[in-house]
């Protein structure tokens, strides 16, 4: 494969999956919110793949919403970077690229390392117990080999690490994390047990630094973990690409 380019279009197959993704009406009663949530999840988890065209008629039918709310949901996804609008009536799932992955993880390394450094001195015993609980959940889910089940506590773990840093940082990191999840789900879920076993050690190392109250060690451990993740994805998808941004961000976060 040359770089992180889009796979072939699978719009009909993907939209059929949306119809069976569960009843979203209770959690998201508003049509815009419901369509946005369903489409965002489908994109992140690869049910709608990079480059897939998005038929407004078909999506509205599958999601059970009208065209107006669907268009607004697509506009939100465009602002978030998950959708590329080609014309008023034509959109497609955002493409993958080497440059985008490099930039995405460089931004996440810088901001998440900063955020955890701020968060560590503010951690309460309740925060620390929550981290232990999420680590245990990740370890339990990893044994099953179910990537999607593992992703839920994994996402919550990363958000818990930075929660005390402040709401604006937390919001920005949540969006970066969701984009990172999309790349990981596309390129590393082929060997979930090996992937999760390797990252489990890294997550425990981060948690130990947090529990010891060492903000600098926590920042370094987290930055190293994120950089390793990005480099694994690149080694699979685009092994000749040189991730200059990621390497510079890691060096800065580790004080090198």
Protein backbone atom coordinates (compact mmCIF):
# COMPACT_ATOMS: atom_id res chain seq x y z
CA UNK A 1 0.00 0.00 0.00
CA UNK A 2 1.28 3.44 -0.88
CA UNK A 3 0.82 5.62 2.21
CA UNK A 4 -2.42 5.77 4.16
CA UNK A 5 -4.72 6.15 1.18
CA UNK A 6 -8.41 5.30 1.14
CA UNK A 7 -9.77 1.82 0.65
CA UNK A 8 -12.45 1.20 -1.98
CA UNK A 9 -15.96 2.55 -1.40
CA UNK A 10 -18.32 0.39 0.65
CA UNK A 11 -21.14 2.83 1.23
CA UNK A 12 -24.09 0.44 0.90
CA UNK A 13 -22.52 -2.18 3.17
CA UNK A 14 -21.55 0.42 5.76
CA UNK A 15 -24.92 2.09 5.91
CA UNK A 16 -26.57 -1.28 6.43
CA UNK A 17 -24.43 -1.67 9.54
CA UNK A 18 -25.69 1.66 10.82
CA UNK A 19 -29.21 0.33 10.89
CA UNK A 20 -28.18 -2.48 13.24
CA UNK A 21 -25.90 -0.40 15.50
CA UNK A 22 -28.48 -0.15 18.26
CA UNK A 23 -31.36 2.14 19.15
CA UNK A 24 -29.88 5.62 19.51
CA UNK A 25 -33.16 7.43 20.12
CA UNK A 26 -33.11 7.19 23.91
CA UNK A 27 -29.54 8.40 24.39
CA UNK A 28 -29.78 10.98 21.57
CA UNK A 29 -33.38 12.16 21.18
CA UNK A 30 -32.45 15.07 18.93
CA UNK A 31 -32.17 14.03 15.26
CA UNK A 32 -28.97 15.99 14.65
CA UNK A 33 -27.33 14.54 17.76
CA UNK A 34 -28.48 11.03 16.92
CA UNK A 35 -27.21 11.17 13.34
CA UNK A 36 -23.93 12.79 14.40
CA UNK A 37 -23.27 10.20 17.09
CA UNK A 38 -24.07 7.23 14.85
CA UNK A 39 -22.00 8.47 11.90
CA UNK A 40 -19.06 9.51 14.07
CA UNK A 41 -18.94 6.11 15.72
CA UNK A 42 -19.22 4.33 12.37
CA UNK A 43 -16.32 6.38 10.97
CA UNK A 44 -14.12 5.88 14.05
CA UNK A 45 -14.66 2.13 14.08
CA UNK A 46 -14.21 1.63 10.36
CA UNK A 47 -17.79 0.77 9.47
CA UNK A 48 -17.63 3.81 7.20
CA UNK A 49 -14.12 3.73 5.75
CA UNK A 50 -11.74 6.37 4.50
CA UNK A 51 -12.91 7.67 1.13
CA UNK A 52 -16.37 6.11 1.30
CA UNK A 53 -19.01 8.32 -0.40
CA UNK A 54 -21.87 9.35 1.88
CA UNK A 55 -25.29 9.21 0.28
CA UNK A 56 -27.61 11.59 2.12
CA UNK A 57 -30.69 9.72 0.88
CA UNK A 58 -29.39 6.34 2.03
CA UNK A 59 -27.99 7.61 5.34
CA UNK A 60 -31.24 9.40 6.20
CA UNK A 61 -33.17 6.21 5.49
CA UNK A 62 -30.84 3.97 7.49
CA UNK A 63 -30.69 6.33 10.47
CA UNK A 64 -34.38 7.18 10.43
CA UNK A 65 -33.84 10.94 10.31
CA UNK A 66 -34.88 13.65 7.87
CA UNK A 67 -32.48 15.24 5.39
CA UNK A 68 -32.12 18.57 7.20
CA UNK A 69 -30.77 17.13 10.49
CA UNK A 70 -28.56 14.74 8.53
CA UNK A 71 -26.98 17.63 6.59
CA UNK A 72 -26.32 19.45 9.87
CA UNK A 73 -24.73 16.31 11.34
CA UNK A 74 -22.49 16.07 8.27
CA UNK A 75 -21.49 19.73 8.68
CA UNK A 76 -20.48 19.06 12.28
CA UNK A 77 -18.45 16.04 11.19
CA UNK A 78 -16.78 18.19 8.54
CA UNK A 79 -15.76 20.76 11.18
CA UNK A 80 -14.40 17.94 13.31
CA UNK A 81 -12.36 16.62 10.40
CA UNK A 82 -14.16 13.29 9.89
CA UNK A 83 -15.94 14.22 6.66
CA UNK A 84 -14.84 15.99 3.47
CA UNK A 85 -17.54 17.97 1.69
CA UNK A 86 -17.17 17.85 -2.10
CA UNK A 87 -20.29 19.81 -3.02
CA UNK A 88 -23.60 20.80 -1.47
CA UNK A 89 -24.97 17.29 -1.89
CA UNK A 90 -21.82 15.17 -2.02
CA UNK A 91 -19.57 14.22 0.88
CA UNK A 92 -17.21 11.39 1.71
CA UNK A 93 -15.38 10.06 4.75
CA UNK A 94 -12.08 11.89 5.26
CA UNK A 95 -9.07 10.18 3.71
CA UNK A 96 -6.13 8.79 5.65
CA UNK A 97 -2.68 10.21 4.97
CA UNK A 98 0.86 9.94 6.33
CA UNK A 99 1.06 13.68 6.92
CA UNK A 100 -2.24 13.76 8.79
CA UNK A 101 -1.22 10.92 11.11
CA UNK A 102 2.14 12.57 11.77
CA UNK A 103 0.51 15.90 12.59
CA UNK A 104 -2.29 14.32 14.63
CA UNK A 105 -0.01 12.38 16.94
CA UNK A 106 2.50 15.22 17.27
CA UNK A 107 -0.32 17.47 18.49
CA UNK A 108 -1.63 14.78 20.82
CA UNK A 109 1.82 14.04 22.29
CA UNK A 110 2.46 17.71 23.02
CA UNK A 111 -0.95 18.48 24.50
CA UNK A 112 -1.54 15.22 26.37
CA UNK A 113 1.94 15.26 27.94
CA UNK A 114 1.30 18.84 29.08
CA UNK A 115 -2.15 17.96 30.38
CA UNK A 116 -1.06 14.96 32.44
CA UNK A 117 1.75 17.02 33.94
CA UNK A 118 -0.85 19.53 35.12
CA UNK A 119 -3.28 16.82 36.21
CA UNK A 120 -0.96 14.70 38.38
CA UNK A 121 -0.65 17.13 41.32
CA UNK A 122 -4.43 17.56 41.28
CA UNK A 123 -5.24 13.85 41.38
CA UNK A 124 -7.39 12.75 44.33
CA UNK A 125 -7.62 9.26 45.78
CA UNK A 126 -10.87 8.89 43.86
CA UNK A 127 -9.05 9.69 40.59
CA UNK A 128 -6.38 7.10 41.35
CA UNK A 129 -8.93 4.42 42.19
CA UNK A 130 -10.68 5.16 38.91
CA UNK A 131 -7.42 4.63 36.99
CA UNK A 132 -6.90 1.27 38.70
CA UNK A 133 -10.45 0.25 37.87
CA UNK A 134 -10.02 1.13 34.20
CA UNK A 135 -6.68 -0.67 33.99
CA UNK A 136 -8.33 -3.80 35.35
CA UNK A 137 -11.17 -3.48 32.85
CA UNK A 138 -8.69 -3.12 29.97
CA UNK A 139 -6.75 -6.18 31.11
CA UNK A 140 -9.98 -8.20 31.40
CA UNK A 141 -11.21 -7.13 27.95
CA UNK A 142 -7.81 -7.77 26.37
CA UNK A 143 -8.03 -11.43 27.32
CA UNK A 144 -11.14 -11.79 25.17
CA UNK A 145 -9.47 -10.35 22.07
CA UNK A 146 -12.49 -8.08 21.50
CA UNK A 147 -11.00 -4.79 20.29
CA UNK A 148 -14.23 -2.80 20.49
CA UNK A 149 -14.93 -3.90 24.05
CA UNK A 150 -11.36 -2.99 25.04
CA UNK A 151 -11.62 0.43 23.40
CA UNK A 152 -14.26 1.68 25.86
CA UNK A 153 -12.17 1.50 29.08
CA UNK A 154 -9.08 2.44 27.06
CA UNK A 155 -10.69 5.70 25.93
CA UNK A 156 -11.92 6.39 29.47
CA UNK A 157 -8.43 5.70 30.88
CA UNK A 158 -6.77 8.30 28.67
CA UNK A 159 -9.47 10.84 29.47
CA UNK A 160 -9.17 10.14 33.20
CA UNK A 161 -5.41 10.80 33.00
CA UNK A 162 -5.98 14.39 31.89
CA UNK A 163 -9.37 15.18 33.43
CA UNK A 164 -8.01 17.44 36.23
CA UNK A 165 -6.05 19.54 33.71
CA UNK A 166 -9.08 21.60 32.68
CA UNK A 167 -12.16 21.35 30.45
CA UNK A 168 -10.70 23.04 27.36
CA UNK A 169 -7.68 20.74 27.26
CA UNK A 170 -9.94 17.79 27.90
CA UNK A 171 -12.23 18.71 24.97
CA UNK A 172 -9.36 19.21 22.54
CA UNK A 173 -7.74 15.94 23.57
CA UNK A 174 -11.01 14.04 23.23
CA UNK A 175 -11.23 15.06 19.55
CA UNK A 176 -7.58 14.20 18.87
CA UNK A 177 -8.06 10.86 20.63
CA UNK A 178 -11.08 10.03 18.47
CA UNK A 179 -9.10 10.68 15.29
CA UNK A 180 -6.28 8.52 16.65
CA UNK A 181 -8.75 5.73 17.40
CA UNK A 182 -9.86 5.79 13.76
CA UNK A 183 -6.30 5.17 12.57
CA UNK A 184 -5.63 2.46 15.15
CA UNK A 185 -8.86 0.61 14.42
CA UNK A 186 -8.06 0.64 10.71
CA UNK A 187 -4.48 -0.61 10.94
CA UNK A 188 -3.75 -2.55 14.14
CA UNK A 189 -6.93 -4.44 15.02
CA UNK A 190 -5.73 -7.33 12.83
CA UNK A 191 -3.73 -8.70 15.82
CA UNK A 192 -5.58 -7.49 18.93
CA UNK A 193 -4.02 -9.80 21.54
CA UNK A 194 -0.45 -8.86 20.63
CA UNK A 195 -1.35 -5.18 20.38
CA UNK A 196 -3.14 -5.06 23.72
CA UNK A 197 -0.49 -7.06 25.57
CA UNK A 198 2.18 -4.58 24.50
CA UNK A 199 0.13 -1.51 25.36
CA UNK A 200 -0.97 -2.95 28.72
CA UNK A 201 2.58 -2.66 30.06
CA UNK A 202 2.79 0.93 28.84
CA UNK A 203 -0.53 1.87 30.47
CA UNK A 204 0.56 0.38 33.79
CA UNK A 205 3.84 2.32 33.60
CA UNK A 206 1.92 5.57 33.07
CA UNK A 207 -0.42 4.79 35.97
CA UNK A 208 2.48 4.00 38.32
CA UNK A 209 4.10 7.36 37.55
CA UNK A 210 0.79 9.10 38.22
CA UNK A 211 0.28 7.27 41.52
CA UNK A 212 3.81 8.13 42.63
CA UNK A 213 3.03 11.81 42.06
CA UNK A 214 5.87 12.22 39.54
CA UNK A 215 4.38 14.55 36.93
CA UNK A 216 7.50 14.62 34.76
CA UNK A 217 7.76 10.81 34.66
CA UNK A 218 4.06 10.58 33.82
CA UNK A 219 4.48 13.06 30.95
CA UNK A 220 7.45 11.14 29.55
CA UNK A 221 5.73 7.76 29.87
CA UNK A 222 2.57 9.02 28.20
CA UNK A 223 4.45 10.76 25.37
CA UNK A 224 6.51 7.62 24.74
CA UNK A 225 3.37 5.47 24.70
CA UNK A 226 1.63 7.72 22.16
CA UNK A 227 4.72 7.90 19.95
CA UNK A 228 5.10 4.12 19.98
CA UNK A 229 1.45 3.74 19.00
CA UNK A 230 1.84 6.12 16.08
CA UNK A 231 5.04 4.45 14.90
CA UNK A 232 3.39 1.01 15.00
CA UNK A 233 0.56 2.28 12.80
CA UNK A 234 3.03 3.86 10.38
CA UNK A 235 5.21 0.74 10.29
CA UNK A 236 2.18 -1.21 9.07
CA UNK A 237 0.65 1.34 6.73
CA UNK A 238 3.56 3.35 5.40
CA UNK A 239 6.93 1.95 6.54
CA UNK A 240 9.06 4.32 4.43
CA UNK A 241 7.49 7.51 5.80
CA UNK A 242 9.67 9.54 8.20
CA UNK A 243 7.50 10.99 11.01
CA UNK A 244 9.44 14.18 11.69
CA UNK A 245 6.65 15.85 13.68
CA UNK A 246 6.14 12.87 15.98
CA UNK A 247 9.86 12.55 16.71
CA UNK A 248 10.23 16.26 17.48
CA UNK A 249 7.15 16.24 19.71
CA UNK A 250 8.47 13.23 21.62
CA UNK A 251 11.87 14.87 22.08
CA UNK A 252 10.23 18.04 23.38
CA UNK A 253 7.95 16.15 25.79
CA UNK A 254 10.88 14.14 27.13
CA UNK A 255 13.11 17.21 27.52
CA UNK A 256 15.62 16.16 24.90
